[in-house]
Amino acid sequence: MSTPTKNRRYAGFLGAFLLVALLLAGGASYLASSSPDGLDAVTQSGCEAVETEGGEQLQGECIAQNAGEHATAGSPFADYAVGGNEALTGLAGVVGVIATLAVAGGLFWLLRRRSGP
């Protein structure tokens, strides 16, 4: 197989991979459950979430009462949303895919084997 044919097949594969990754990140993000995952559910065991004027508060005895905000809570993509807008969860997923592929591609490019003298 000649090099131009290999390059076209490689580019086609990368294009299809990128398209599927973006569709999954942008579309499947809206299908994800907003319910707490296993770790959150265990730490909230024994408490009840109650809405107050200051936001959601936990009442009862549980580990989660001692939890605070994480270090990146104020960042633009905190909690898989853009600027806190949960309607833009898919956009946060797309940006995540693009950033991950850019970093991985850059590392592969830097670390690739070079042939020749």
PDB file of N, CA and C in Angstrom:
ATOM      1  N   MET A   1       0.851  -1.167   0.000  1.00  0.00           N
ATOM      2  CA  MET A   1       0.000   0.000   0.000  1.00  0.00           C
ATOM      3  C   MET A   1       0.902   1.237   0.000  1.00  0.00           C
ATOM      4  N   SER A   2       0.573   2.217  -0.807  1.00  0.00           N
ATOM      5  CA  SER A   2       1.418   3.407  -0.919  1.00  0.00           C
ATOM      6  C   SER A   2       1.169   4.352   0.252  1.00  0.00           C
ATOM      7  N   THR A   3       2.096   5.253   0.471  1.00  0.00           N
ATOM      8  CA  THR A   3       2.023   6.187   1.591  1.00  0.00           C
ATOM      9  C   THR A   3       0.818   7.119   1.506  1.00  0.00           C
ATOM     10  N   PRO A   4       0.481   7.704   0.328  1.00  0.00           N
ATOM     11  CA  PRO A   4      -0.704   8.572   0.278  1.00  0.00           C
ATOM     12  C   PRO A   4      -1.991   7.833   0.656  1.00  0.00           C
ATOM     13  N   THR A   5      -2.110   6.580   0.261  1.00  0.00           N
ATOM     14  CA  THR A   5      -3.290   5.795   0.611  1.00  0.00           C
ATOM     15  C   THR A   5      -3.337   5.550   2.112  1.00  0.00           C
ATOM     16  N   LYS A   6      -2.193   5.238   2.712  1.00  0.00           N
ATOM     17  CA  LYS A   6      -2.139   5.046   4.160  1.00  0.00           C
ATOM     18  C   LYS A   6      -2.522   6.333   4.884  1.00  0.00           C
ATOM     19  N   ASN A   7      -2.006   7.454   4.401  1.00  0.00           N
ATOM     20  CA  ASN A   7      -2.300   8.734   5.042  1.00  0.00           C
ATOM     21  C   ASN A   7      -3.786   9.071   4.966  1.00  0.00           C
ATOM     22  N   ARG A   8      -4.436   8.763   3.831  1.00  0.00           N
ATOM     23  CA  ARG A   8      -5.873   9.025   3.694  1.00  0.00           C
ATOM     24  C   ARG A   8      -6.678   8.138   4.642  1.00  0.00           C
ATOM     25  N   ARG A   9      -6.282   6.871   4.747  1.00  0.00           N
ATOM     26  CA  ARG A   9      -6.985   5.958   5.658  1.00  0.00           C
ATOM     27  C   ARG A   9      -6.801   6.398   7.100  1.00  0.00           C
ATOM     28  N   TYR A  10      -5.587   6.816   7.441  1.00  0.00           N
ATOM     29  CA  TYR A  10      -5.282   7.286   8.785  1.00  0.00           C
ATOM     30  C   TYR A  10      -6.094   8.546   9.102  1.00  0.00           C
ATOM     31  N   ALA A  11      -6.146   9.480   8.171  1.00  0.00           N
ATOM     32  CA  ALA A  11      -6.915  10.709   8.364  1.00  0.00           C
ATOM     33  C   ALA A  11      -8.409  10.394   8.473  1.00  0.00           C
ATOM     34  N   GLY A  12      -8.897   9.458   7.685  1.00  0.00           N
ATOM     35  CA  GLY A  12     -10.300   9.055   7.772  1.00  0.00           C
ATOM     36  C   GLY A  12     -10.627   8.438   9.119  1.00  0.00           C
ATOM     37  N   PHE A  13      -9.718   7.589   9.603  1.00  0.00           N
ATOM     38  CA  PHE A  13      -9.928   6.977  10.918  1.00  0.00           C
ATOM     39  C   PHE A  13      -9.954   8.042  12.004  1.00  0.00           C
ATOM     40  N   LEU A  14      -8.988   8.971  11.969  1.00  0.00           N
ATOM     41  CA  LEU A  14      -8.937  10.032  12.977  1.00  0.00           C
ATOM     42  C   LEU A  14     -10.173  10.926  12.918  1.00  0.00           C
ATOM     43  N   GLY A  15     -10.634  11.226  11.711  1.00  0.00           N
ATOM     44  CA  GLY A  15     -11.838  12.040  11.558  1.00  0.00           C
ATOM     45  C   GLY A  15     -13.068  11.344  12.130  1.00  0.00           C
ATOM     46  N   ALA A  16     -13.209  10.052  11.836  1.00  0.00           N
ATOM     47  CA  ALA A  16     -14.342   9.284  12.363  1.00  0.00           C
ATOM     48  C   ALA A  16     -14.259   9.164  13.879  1.00  0.00           C
ATOM     49  N   PHE A  17     -13.054   8.945  14.391  1.00  0.00           N
ATOM     50  CA  PHE A  17     -12.856   8.851  15.837  1.00  0.00           C
ATOM     51  C   PHE A  17     -13.261  10.155  16.510  1.00  0.00           C
ATOM     52  N   LEU A  18     -12.809  11.281  15.963  1.00  0.00           N
ATOM     53  CA  LEU A  18     -13.134  12.591  16.524  1.00  0.00           C
ATOM     54  C   LEU A  18     -14.638  12.840  16.477  1.00  0.00           C
ATOM     55  N   LEU A  19     -15.282  12.510  15.381  1.00  0.00           N
ATOM     56  CA  LEU A  19     -16.722  12.702  15.245  1.00  0.00           C
ATOM     57  C   LEU A  19     -17.493  11.889  16.289  1.00  0.00           C
ATOM     58  N   VAL A  20     -17.138  10.610  16.451  1.00  0.00           N
ATOM     59  CA  VAL A  20     -17.821   9.764  17.436  1.00  0.00           C
ATOM     60  C   VAL A  20     -17.573  10.286  18.853  1.00  0.00           C
ATOM     61  N   ALA A  21     -16.336  10.673  19.152  1.00  0.00           N
ATOM     62  CA  ALA A  21     -16.013  11.197  20.487  1.00  0.00           C
ATOM     63  C   ALA A  21     -16.809  12.469  20.781  1.00  0.00           C
ATOM     64  N   LEU A  22     -16.903  13.360  19.818  1.00  0.00           N
ATOM     65  CA  LEU A  22     -17.650  14.605  20.019  1.00  0.00           C
ATOM     66  C   LEU A  22     -19.150  14.352  20.163  1.00  0.00           C
ATOM     67  N   LEU A  23     -19.681  13.420  19.361  1.00  0.00           N
ATOM     68  CA  LEU A  23     -21.106  13.085  19.483  1.00  0.00           C
ATOM     69  C   LEU A  23     -21.421  12.471  20.845  1.00  0.00           C
ATOM     70  N   LEU A  24     -20.552  11.578  21.300  1.00  0.00           N
ATOM     71  CA  LEU A  24     -20.771  10.973  22.614  1.00  0.00           C
ATOM     72  C   LEU A  24     -20.662  12.005  23.725  1.00  0.00           C
ATOM     73  N   ALA A  25     -19.635  12.839  23.669  1.00  0.00           N
ATOM     74  CA  ALA A  25     -19.447  13.849  24.713  1.00  0.00           C
ATOM     75  C   ALA A  25     -20.571  14.870  24.708  1.00  0.00           C
ATOM     76  N   GLY A  26     -20.965  15.305  23.529  1.00  0.00           N
ATOM     77  CA  GLY A  26     -22.005  16.325  23.438  1.00  0.00           C
ATOM     78  C   GLY A  26     -23.406  15.797  23.669  1.00  0.00           C
ATOM     79  N   GLY A  27     -23.675  14.581  23.242  1.00  0.00           N
ATOM     80  CA  GLY A  27     -25.020  14.025  23.363  1.00  0.00           C
ATOM     81  C   GLY A  27     -25.256  13.193  24.602  1.00  0.00           C
ATOM     82  N   ALA A  28     -24.310  12.319  24.917  1.00  0.00           N
ATOM     83  CA  ALA A  28     -24.496  11.423  26.069  1.00  0.00           C
ATOM     84  C   ALA A  28     -24.430  12.181  27.392  1.00  0.00           C
ATOM     85  N   SER A  29     -23.856  13.369  27.390  1.00  0.00           N
ATOM     86  CA  SER A  29     -23.781  14.159  28.615  1.00  0.00           C
ATOM     87  C   SER A  29     -25.173  14.466  29.168  1.00  0.00           C
ATOM     88  N   TYR A  30     -26.130  14.638  28.274  1.00  0.00           N
ATOM     89  CA  TYR A  30     -27.484  14.958  28.711  1.00  0.00           C
ATOM     90  C   TYR A  30     -28.229  13.734  29.240  1.00  0.00           C
ATOM     91  N   LEU A  31     -27.708  12.548  28.950  1.00  0.00           N
ATOM     92  CA  LEU A  31     -28.348  11.328  29.423  1.00  0.00           C
ATOM     93  C   LEU A  31     -27.818  10.881  30.779  1.00  0.00           C
ATOM     94  N   ALA A  32     -26.737  11.496  31.242  1.00  0.00           N
ATOM     95  CA  ALA A  32     -26.134  11.104  32.518  1.00  0.00           C
ATOM     96  C   ALA A  32     -27.084  11.438  33.662  1.00  0.00           C
ATOM     97  N   SER A  33     -27.059  10.627  34.676  1.00  0.00           N
ATOM     98  CA  SER A  33     -27.927  10.815  35.828  1.00  0.00           C
ATOM     99  C   SER A  33     -27.449  11.978  36.678  1.00  0.00           C
ATOM    100  N   SER A  34     -28.387  12.778  37.161  1.00  0.00           N
ATOM    101  CA  SER A  34     -28.042  13.865  38.071  1.00  0.00           C
ATOM    102  C   SER A  34     -28.096  13.397  39.521  1.00  0.00           C
ATOM    103  N   SER A  35     -28.474  12.149  39.737  1.00  0.00           N
ATOM    104  CA  SER A  35     -28.504  11.587  41.084  1.00  0.00           C
ATOM    105  C   SER A  35     -27.076  11.369  41.577  1.00  0.00           C
ATOM    106  N   PRO A  36     -26.884  11.397  42.902  1.00  0.00           N
ATOM    107  CA  PRO A  36     -25.528  11.167  43.420  1.00  0.00           C
ATOM    108  C   PRO A  36     -24.996   9.795  43.028  1.00  0.00           C
ATOM    109  N   ASP A  37     -23.683   9.722  42.782  1.00  0.00           N
ATOM    110  CA  ASP A  37     -23.087   8.431  42.465  1.00  0.00           C
ATOM    111  C   ASP A  37     -22.926   7.624  43.755  1.00  0.00           C
ATOM    112  N   GLY A  38     -22.304   6.463  43.665  1.00  0.00           N
ATOM    113  CA  GLY A  38     -22.187   5.569  44.819  1.00  0.00           C
ATOM    114  C   GLY A  38     -21.490   6.196  46.011  1.00  0.00           C
ATOM    115  N   LEU A  39     -20.369   6.882  45.770  1.00  0.00           N
ATOM    116  CA  LEU A  39     -19.633   7.499  46.868  1.00  0.00           C
ATOM    117  C   LEU A  39     -20.447   8.604  47.522  1.00  0.00           C
ATOM    118  N   ASP A  40     -21.084   9.450  46.718  1.00  0.00           N
ATOM    119  CA  ASP A  40     -21.925  10.517  47.274  1.00  0.00           C
ATOM    120  C   ASP A  40     -23.086   9.932  48.073  1.00  0.00           C
ATOM    121  N   ALA A  41     -23.703   8.883  47.545  1.00  0.00           N
ATOM    122  CA  ALA A  41     -24.840   8.271  48.230  1.00  0.00           C
ATOM    123  C   ALA A  41     -24.421   7.708  49.587  1.00  0.00           C
ATOM    124  N   VAL A  42     -23.247   7.090  49.655  1.00  0.00           N
ATOM    125  CA  VAL A  42     -22.777   6.522  50.922  1.00  0.00           C
ATOM    126  C   VAL A  42     -22.463   7.626  51.926  1.00  0.00           C
ATOM    127  N   THR A  43     -21.815   8.701  51.476  1.00  0.00           N
ATOM    128  CA  THR A  43     -21.467   9.780  52.404  1.00  0.00           C
ATOM    129  C   THR A  43     -22.700  10.534  52.879  1.00  0.00           C
ATOM    130  N   GLN A  44     -23.790  10.500  52.118  1.00  0.00           N
ATOM    131  CA  GLN A  44     -25.016  11.186  52.515  1.00  0.00           C
ATOM    132  C   GLN A  44     -25.981  10.269  53.268  1.00  0.00           C
ATOM    133  N   SER A  45     -25.578   9.021  53.460  1.00  0.00           N
ATOM    134  CA  SER A  45     -26.419   8.065  54.177  1.00  0.00           C
ATOM    135  C   SER A  45     -26.635   8.543  55.614  1.00  0.00           C
ATOM    136  N   GLY A  46     -27.874   8.668  56.022  1.00  0.00           N
ATOM    137  CA  GLY A  46     -28.213   9.129  57.359  1.00  0.00           C
ATOM    138  C   GLY A  46     -28.608  10.591  57.392  1.00  0.00           C
ATOM    139  N   CYS A  47     -28.515  11.277  56.261  1.00  0.00           N
ATOM    140  CA  CYS A  47     -28.888  12.687  56.177  1.00  0.00           C
ATOM    141  C   CYS A  47     -30.029  12.876  55.190  1.00  0.00           C
ATOM    142  N   GLU A  48     -30.664  14.012  55.319  1.00  0.00           N
ATOM    143  CA  GLU A  48     -31.711  14.394  54.385  1.00  0.00           C
ATOM    144  C   GLU A  48     -31.378  15.784  53.863  1.00  0.00           C
ATOM    145  N   ALA A  49     -31.476  15.982  52.559  1.00  0.00           N
ATOM    146  CA  ALA A  49     -31.214  17.288  51.959  1.00  0.00           C
ATOM    147  C   ALA A  49     -32.470  18.140  52.060  1.00  0.00           C
ATOM    148  N   VAL A  50     -32.309  19.339  52.623  1.00  0.00           N
ATOM    149  CA  VAL A  50     -33.429  20.250  52.820  1.00  0.00           C
ATOM    150  C   VAL A  50     -33.070  21.593  52.189  1.00  0.00           C
ATOM    151  N   GLU A  51     -33.992  22.157  51.407  1.00  0.00           N
ATOM    152  CA  GLU A  51     -33.774  23.467  50.791  1.00  0.00           C
ATOM    153  C   GLU A  51     -34.008  24.562  51.822  1.00  0.00           C
ATOM    154  N   THR A  52     -33.056  25.470  51.950  1.00  0.00           N
ATOM    155  CA  THR A  52     -33.175  26.621  52.835  1.00  0.00           C
ATOM    156  C   THR A  52     -32.903  27.883  52.036  1.00  0.00           C
ATOM    157  N   GLU A  53     -33.004  29.038  52.694  1.00  0.00           N
ATOM    158  CA  GLU A  53     -32.724  30.304  52.007  1.00  0.00           C
ATOM    159  C   GLU A  53     -31.269  30.360  51.532  1.00  0.00           C
ATOM    160  N   GLY A  54     -30.360  29.746  52.275  1.00  0.00           N
ATOM    161  CA  GLY A  54     -28.945  29.747  51.931  1.00  0.00           C
ATOM    162  C   GLY A  54     -28.548  28.641  50.973  1.00  0.00           C
ATOM    163  N   GLY A  55     -29.485  27.872  50.486  1.00  0.00           N
ATOM    164  CA  GLY A  55     -29.190  26.764  49.586  1.00  0.00           C
ATOM    165  C   GLY A  55     -29.547  25.437  50.225  1.00  0.00           C
ATOM    166  N   GLU A  56     -29.049  24.364  49.659  1.00  0.00           N
ATOM    167  CA  GLU A  56     -29.350  23.028  50.159  1.00  0.00           C
ATOM    168  C   GLU A  56     -28.513  22.734  51.406  1.00  0.00           C
ATOM    169  N   GLN A  57     -29.169  22.249  52.455  1.00  0.00           N
ATOM    170  CA  GLN A  57     -28.504  21.896  53.712  1.00  0.00           C
ATOM    171  C   GLN A  57     -28.785  20.430  54.028  1.00  0.00           C
ATOM    172  N   LEU A  58     -27.817  19.772  54.651  1.00  0.00           N
ATOM    173  CA  LEU A  58     -28.000  18.388  55.081  1.00  0.00           C
ATOM    174  C   LEU A  58     -28.390  18.367  56.551  1.00  0.00           C
ATOM    175  N   GLN A  59     -29.448  17.611  56.868  1.00  0.00           N
ATOM    176  CA  GLN A  59     -29.879  17.450  58.248  1.00  0.00           C
ATOM    177  C   GLN A  59     -29.755  15.996  58.624  1.00  0.00           C
ATOM    178  N   GLY A  60     -29.281  15.737  59.825  1.00  0.00           N
ATOM    179  CA  GLY A  60     -29.078  14.376  60.294  1.00  0.00           C
ATOM    180  C   GLY A  60     -27.611  14.136  60.600  1.00  0.00           C
ATOM    181  N   GLU A  61     -27.222  12.864  60.652  1.00  0.00           N
ATOM    182  CA  GLU A  61     -25.836  12.475  60.947  1.00  0.00           C
ATOM    183  C   GLU A  61     -25.252  11.736  59.747  1.00  0.00           C
ATOM    184  N   CYS A  62     -24.296  12.364  59.064  1.00  0.00           N
ATOM    185  CA  CYS A  62     -23.632  11.708  57.940  1.00  0.00           C
ATOM    186  C   CYS A  62     -22.256  12.328  57.715  1.00  0.00           C
ATOM    187  N   ILE A  63     -21.427  11.627  56.969  1.00  0.00           N
ATOM    188  CA  ILE A  63     -20.072  12.079  56.668  1.00  0.00           C
ATOM    189  C   ILE A  63     -20.093  13.353  55.824  1.00  0.00           C
ATOM    190  N   ALA A  64     -21.057  13.467  54.926  1.00  0.00           N
ATOM    191  CA  ALA A  64     -21.103  14.579  53.984  1.00  0.00           C
ATOM    192  C   ALA A  64     -21.286  15.937  54.651  1.00  0.00           C
ATOM    193  N   GLN A  65     -21.730  15.975  55.900  1.00  0.00           N
ATOM    194  CA  GLN A  65     -21.902  17.249  56.588  1.00  0.00           C
ATOM    195  C   GLN A  65     -20.567  17.961  56.782  1.00  0.00           C
ATOM    196  N   ASN A  66     -19.475  17.230  56.784  1.00  0.00           N
ATOM    197  CA  ASN A  66     -18.152  17.822  56.971  1.00  0.00           C
ATOM    198  C   ASN A  66     -17.495  18.217  55.650  1.00  0.00           C
ATOM    199  N   ALA A  67     -18.158  17.957  54.541  1.00  0.00           N
ATOM    200  CA  ALA A  67     -17.574  18.240  53.231  1.00  0.00           C
ATOM    201  C   ALA A  67     -17.689  19.728  52.900  1.00  0.00           C
ATOM    202  N   GLY A  68     -16.747  20.201  52.112  1.00  0.00           N
ATOM    203  CA  GLY A  68     -16.766  21.580  51.637  1.00  0.00           C
ATOM    204  C   GLY A  68     -16.673  21.594  50.128  1.00  0.00           C
ATOM    205  N   GLU A  69     -16.607  22.780  49.567  1.00  0.00           N
ATOM    206  CA  GLU A  69     -16.463  22.913  48.120  1.00  0.00           C
ATOM    207  C   GLU A  69     -15.072  22.448  47.704  1.00  0.00           C
ATOM    208  N   HIS A  70     -14.955  21.885  46.521  1.00  0.00           N
ATOM    209  CA  HIS A  70     -13.652  21.465  46.022  1.00  0.00           C
ATOM    210  C   HIS A  70     -12.875  22.679  45.511  1.00  0.00           C
ATOM    211  N   ALA A  71     -11.590  22.499  45.309  1.00  0.00           N
ATOM    212  CA  ALA A  71     -10.692  23.611  44.973  1.00  0.00           C
ATOM    213  C   ALA A  71     -11.045  24.288  43.652  1.00  0.00           C
ATOM    214  N   THR A  72     -11.657  23.566  42.726  1.00  0.00           N
ATOM    215  CA  THR A  72     -11.973  24.146  41.421  1.00  0.00           C
ATOM    216  C   THR A  72     -13.462  24.467  41.276  1.00  0.00           C
ATOM    217  N   ALA A  73     -14.163  24.653  42.381  1.00  0.00           N
ATOM    218  CA  ALA A  73     -15.608  24.885  42.339  1.00  0.00           C
ATOM    219  C   ALA A  73     -15.973  26.151  41.573  1.00  0.00           C
ATOM    220  N   GLY A  74     -15.112  27.147  41.545  1.00  0.00           N
ATOM    221  CA  GLY A  74     -15.427  28.387  40.853  1.00  0.00           C
ATOM    222  C   GLY A  74     -14.917  28.449  39.423  1.00  0.00           C
ATOM    223  N   SER A  75     -14.351  27.355  38.928  1.00  0.00           N
ATOM    224  CA  SER A  75     -13.782  27.362  37.578  1.00  0.00           C
ATOM    225  C   SER A  75     -14.901  27.331  36.527  1.00  0.00           C
ATOM    226  N   PRO A  76     -14.581  27.726  35.285  1.00  0.00           N
ATOM    227  CA  PRO A  76     -15.619  27.801  34.245  1.00  0.00           C
ATOM    228  C   PRO A  76     -16.322  26.477  33.935  1.00  0.00           C
ATOM    229  N   PHE A  77     -15.645  25.340  34.129  1.00  0.00           N
ATOM    230  CA  PHE A  77     -16.247  24.049  33.801  1.00  0.00           C
ATOM    231  C   PHE A  77     -16.504  23.182  35.034  1.00  0.00           C
ATOM    232  N   ALA A  78     -16.669  23.806  36.190  1.00  0.00           N
ATOM    233  CA  ALA A  78     -16.919  23.055  37.421  1.00  0.00           C
ATOM    234  C   ALA A  78     -18.248  22.299  37.315  1.00  0.00           C
ATOM    235  N   ASP A  79     -18.274  21.120  37.868  1.00  0.00           N
ATOM    236  CA  ASP A  79     -19.477  20.273  37.900  1.00  0.00           C
ATOM    237  C   ASP A  79     -20.028  19.970  36.506  1.00  0.00           C
ATOM    238  N   TYR A  80     -19.141  19.857  35.516  1.00  0.00           N
ATOM    239  CA  TYR A  80     -19.505  19.484  34.151  1.00  0.00           C
ATOM    240  C   TYR A  80     -20.517  20.441  33.521  1.00  0.00           C
ATOM    241  N   ALA A  81     -20.435  21.704  33.860  1.00  0.00           N
ATOM    242  CA  ALA A  81     -21.318  22.708  33.287  1.00  0.00           C
ATOM    243  C   ALA A  81     -20.473  23.911  32.883  1.00  0.00           C
ATOM    244  N   VAL A  82     -20.968  24.692  31.961  1.00  0.00           N
ATOM    245  CA  VAL A  82     -20.248  25.886  31.516  1.00  0.00           C
ATOM    246  C   VAL A  82     -20.777  27.071  32.307  1.00  0.00           C
ATOM    247  N   GLY A  83     -19.920  27.652  33.142  1.00  0.00           N
ATOM    248  CA  GLY A  83     -20.314  28.804  33.943  1.00  0.00           C
ATOM    249  C   GLY A  83     -21.463  28.518  34.892  1.00  0.00           C
ATOM    250  N   GLY A  84     -21.616  27.283  35.324  1.00  0.00           N
ATOM    251  CA  GLY A  84     -22.699  26.914  36.229  1.00  0.00           C
ATOM    252  C   GLY A  84     -24.021  26.629  35.541  1.00  0.00           C
ATOM    253  N   ASN A  85     -24.103  26.807  34.235  1.00  0.00           N
ATOM    254  CA  ASN A  85     -25.333  26.571  33.485  1.00  0.00           C
ATOM    255  C   ASN A  85     -25.403  25.097  33.103  1.00  0.00           C
ATOM    256  N   GLU A  86     -26.253  24.345  33.770  1.00  0.00           N
ATOM    257  CA  GLU A  86     -26.341  22.908  33.530  1.00  0.00           C
ATOM    258  C   GLU A  86     -26.946  22.565  32.173  1.00  0.00           C
ATOM    259  N   ALA A  87     -27.544  23.542  31.496  1.00  0.00           N
ATOM    260  CA  ALA A  87     -28.070  23.299  30.149  1.00  0.00           C
ATOM    261  C   ALA A  87     -26.936  23.155  29.140  1.00  0.00           C
ATOM    262  N   LEU A  88     -25.721  23.581  29.531  1.00  0.00           N
ATOM    263  CA  LEU A  88     -24.569  23.513  28.629  1.00  0.00           C
ATOM    264  C   LEU A  88     -23.623  22.369  28.978  1.00  0.00           C
ATOM    265  N   THR A  89     -24.156  21.325  29.576  1.00  0.00           N
ATOM    266  CA  THR A  89     -23.341  20.169  29.944  1.00  0.00           C
ATOM    267  C   THR A  89     -22.675  19.543  28.721  1.00  0.00           C
ATOM    268  N   GLY A  90     -23.388  19.456  27.621  1.00  0.00           N
ATOM    269  CA  GLY A  90     -22.829  18.882  26.395  1.00  0.00           C
ATOM    270  C   GLY A  90     -21.657  19.682  25.873  1.00  0.00           C
ATOM    271  N   LEU A  91     -21.738  21.003  25.978  1.00  0.00           N
ATOM    272  CA  LEU A  91     -20.638  21.859  25.537  1.00  0.00           C
ATOM    273  C   LEU A  91     -19.400  21.611  26.396  1.00  0.00           C
ATOM    274  N   ALA A  92     -19.591  21.434  27.692  1.00  0.00           N
ATOM    275  CA  ALA A  92     -18.465  21.124  28.576  1.00  0.00           C
ATOM    276  C   ALA A  92     -17.831  19.796  28.171  1.00  0.00           C
ATOM    277  N   GLY A  93     -18.635  18.821  27.791  1.00  0.00           N
ATOM    278  CA  GLY A  93     -18.110  17.533  27.322  1.00  0.00           C
ATOM    279  C   GLY A  93     -17.323  17.670  26.037  1.00  0.00           C
ATOM    280  N   VAL A  94     -17.819  18.466  25.114  1.00  0.00           N
ATOM    281  CA  VAL A  94     -17.123  18.686  23.839  1.00  0.00           C
ATOM    282  C   VAL A  94     -15.781  19.381  24.076  1.00  0.00           C
ATOM    283  N   VAL A  95     -15.775  20.409  24.925  1.00  0.00           N
ATOM    284  CA  VAL A  95     -14.526  21.105  25.235  1.00  0.00           C
ATOM    285  C   VAL A  95     -13.540  20.144  25.908  1.00  0.00           C
ATOM    286  N   GLY A  96     -14.042  19.273  26.777  1.00  0.00           N
ATOM    287  CA  GLY A  96     -13.187  18.282  27.426  1.00  0.00           C
ATOM    288  C   GLY A  96     -12.557  17.316  26.440  1.00  0.00           C
ATOM    289  N   VAL A  97     -13.333  16.859  25.460  1.00  0.00           N
ATOM    290  CA  VAL A  97     -12.804  15.951  24.439  1.00  0.00           C
ATOM    291  C   VAL A  97     -11.730  16.651  23.615  1.00  0.00           C
ATOM    292  N   ILE A  98     -12.008  17.873  23.197  1.00  0.00           N
ATOM    293  CA  ILE A  98     -11.040  18.611  22.380  1.00  0.00           C
ATOM    294  C   ILE A  98      -9.754  18.862  23.166  1.00  0.00           C
ATOM    295  N   ALA A  99      -9.871  19.257  24.430  1.00  0.00           N
ATOM    296  CA  ALA A  99      -8.682  19.509  25.249  1.00  0.00           C
ATOM    297  C   ALA A  99      -7.882  18.225  25.469  1.00  0.00           C
ATOM    298  N   THR A 100      -8.575  17.121  25.750  1.00  0.00           N
ATOM    299  CA  THR A 100      -7.890  15.851  25.972  1.00  0.00           C
ATOM    300  C   THR A 100      -7.165  15.381  24.717  1.00  0.00           C
ATOM    301  N   LEU A 101      -7.834  15.460  23.575  1.00  0.00           N
ATOM    302  CA  LEU A 101      -7.199  15.045  22.324  1.00  0.00           C
ATOM    303  C   LEU A 101      -6.042  15.965  21.946  1.00  0.00           C
ATOM    304  N   ALA A 102      -6.147  17.256  22.249  1.00  0.00           N
ATOM    305  CA  ALA A 102      -5.052  18.188  21.954  1.00  0.00           C
ATOM    306  C   ALA A 102      -3.821  17.866  22.805  1.00  0.00           C
ATOM    307  N   VAL A 103      -4.033  17.623  24.090  1.00  0.00           N
ATOM    308  CA  VAL A 103      -2.907  17.287  24.973  1.00  0.00           C
ATOM    309  C   VAL A 103      -2.305  15.946  24.570  1.00  0.00           C
ATOM    310  N   ALA A 104      -3.153  14.934  24.339  1.00  0.00           N
ATOM    311  CA  ALA A 104      -2.644  13.614  23.949  1.00  0.00           C
ATOM    312  C   ALA A 104      -1.925  13.684  22.603  1.00  0.00           C
ATOM    313  N   GLY A 105      -2.504  14.392  21.647  1.00  0.00           N
ATOM    314  CA  GLY A 105      -1.861  14.529  20.341  1.00  0.00           C
ATOM    315  C   GLY A 105      -0.524  15.243  20.444  1.00  0.00           C
ATOM    316  N   GLY A 106      -0.467  16.280  21.256  1.00  0.00           N
ATOM    317  CA  GLY A 106       0.793  16.994  21.465  1.00  0.00           C
ATOM    318  C   GLY A 106       1.852  16.116  22.097  1.00  0.00           C
ATOM    319  N   LEU A 107       1.452  15.313  23.075  1.00  0.00           N
ATOM    320  CA  LEU A 107       2.415  14.399  23.709  1.00  0.00           C
ATOM    321  C   LEU A 107       2.896  13.333  22.741  1.00  0.00           C
ATOM    322  N   PHE A 108       1.976  12.778  21.954  1.00  0.00           N
ATOM    323  CA  PHE A 108       2.385  11.783  20.955  1.00  0.00           C
ATOM    324  C   PHE A 108       3.339  12.400  19.941  1.00  0.00           C
ATOM    325  N   TRP A 109       3.048  13.624  19.522  1.00  0.00           N
ATOM    326  CA  TRP A 109       3.909  14.286  18.553  1.00  0.00           C
ATOM    327  C   TRP A 109       5.301  14.529  19.138  1.00  0.00           C
ATOM    328  N   LEU A 110       5.374  14.967  20.406  1.00  0.00           N
ATOM    329  CA  LEU A 110       6.665  15.225  21.047  1.00  0.00           C
ATOM    330  C   LEU A 110       7.476  13.953  21.287  1.00  0.00           C
ATOM    331  N   LEU A 111       6.786  12.870  21.603  1.00  0.00           N
ATOM    332  CA  LEU A 111       7.469  11.636  22.002  1.00  0.00           C
ATOM    333  C   LEU A 111       7.618  10.624  20.866  1.00  0.00           C
ATOM    334  N   ARG A 112       7.187  10.965  19.676  1.00  0.00           N
ATOM    335  CA  ARG A 112       7.241  10.008  18.570  1.00  0.00           C
ATOM    336  C   ARG A 112       8.692   9.678  18.214  1.00  0.00           C
ATOM    337  N   ARG A 113       8.854   8.533  17.642  1.00  0.00           N
ATOM    338  CA  ARG A 113      10.183   8.115  17.151  1.00  0.00           C
ATOM    339  C   ARG A 113      10.452   8.799  15.831  1.00  0.00           C
ATOM    340  N   ARG A 114      11.603   9.299  15.727  1.00  0.00           N
ATOM    341  CA  ARG A 114      11.980   9.946  14.476  1.00  0.00           C
ATOM    342  C   ARG A 114      12.963   9.054  13.751  1.00  0.00           C
ATOM    343  N   SER A 115      12.716   8.865  12.477  1.00  0.00           N
ATOM    344  CA  SER A 115      13.621   8.029  11.688  1.00  0.00           C
ATOM    345  C   SER A 115      14.662   8.918  11.002  1.00  0.00           C
ATOM    346  N   GLY A 116      15.729   8.321  10.647  1.00  0.00           N
ATOM    347  CA  GLY A 116      16.767   9.064   9.935  1.00  0.00           C
ATOM    348  C   GLY A 116      17.914   9.444  10.851  1.00  0.00           C
ATOM    349  N   PRO A 117      18.952  10.020  10.282  1.00  0.00           N
ATOM    350  CA  PRO A 117      20.134  10.370  11.072  1.00  0.00           C
ATOM    351  C   PRO A 117      19.946  11.543  11.978  1.00  0.00           C
TER     352      PRO A 117
END
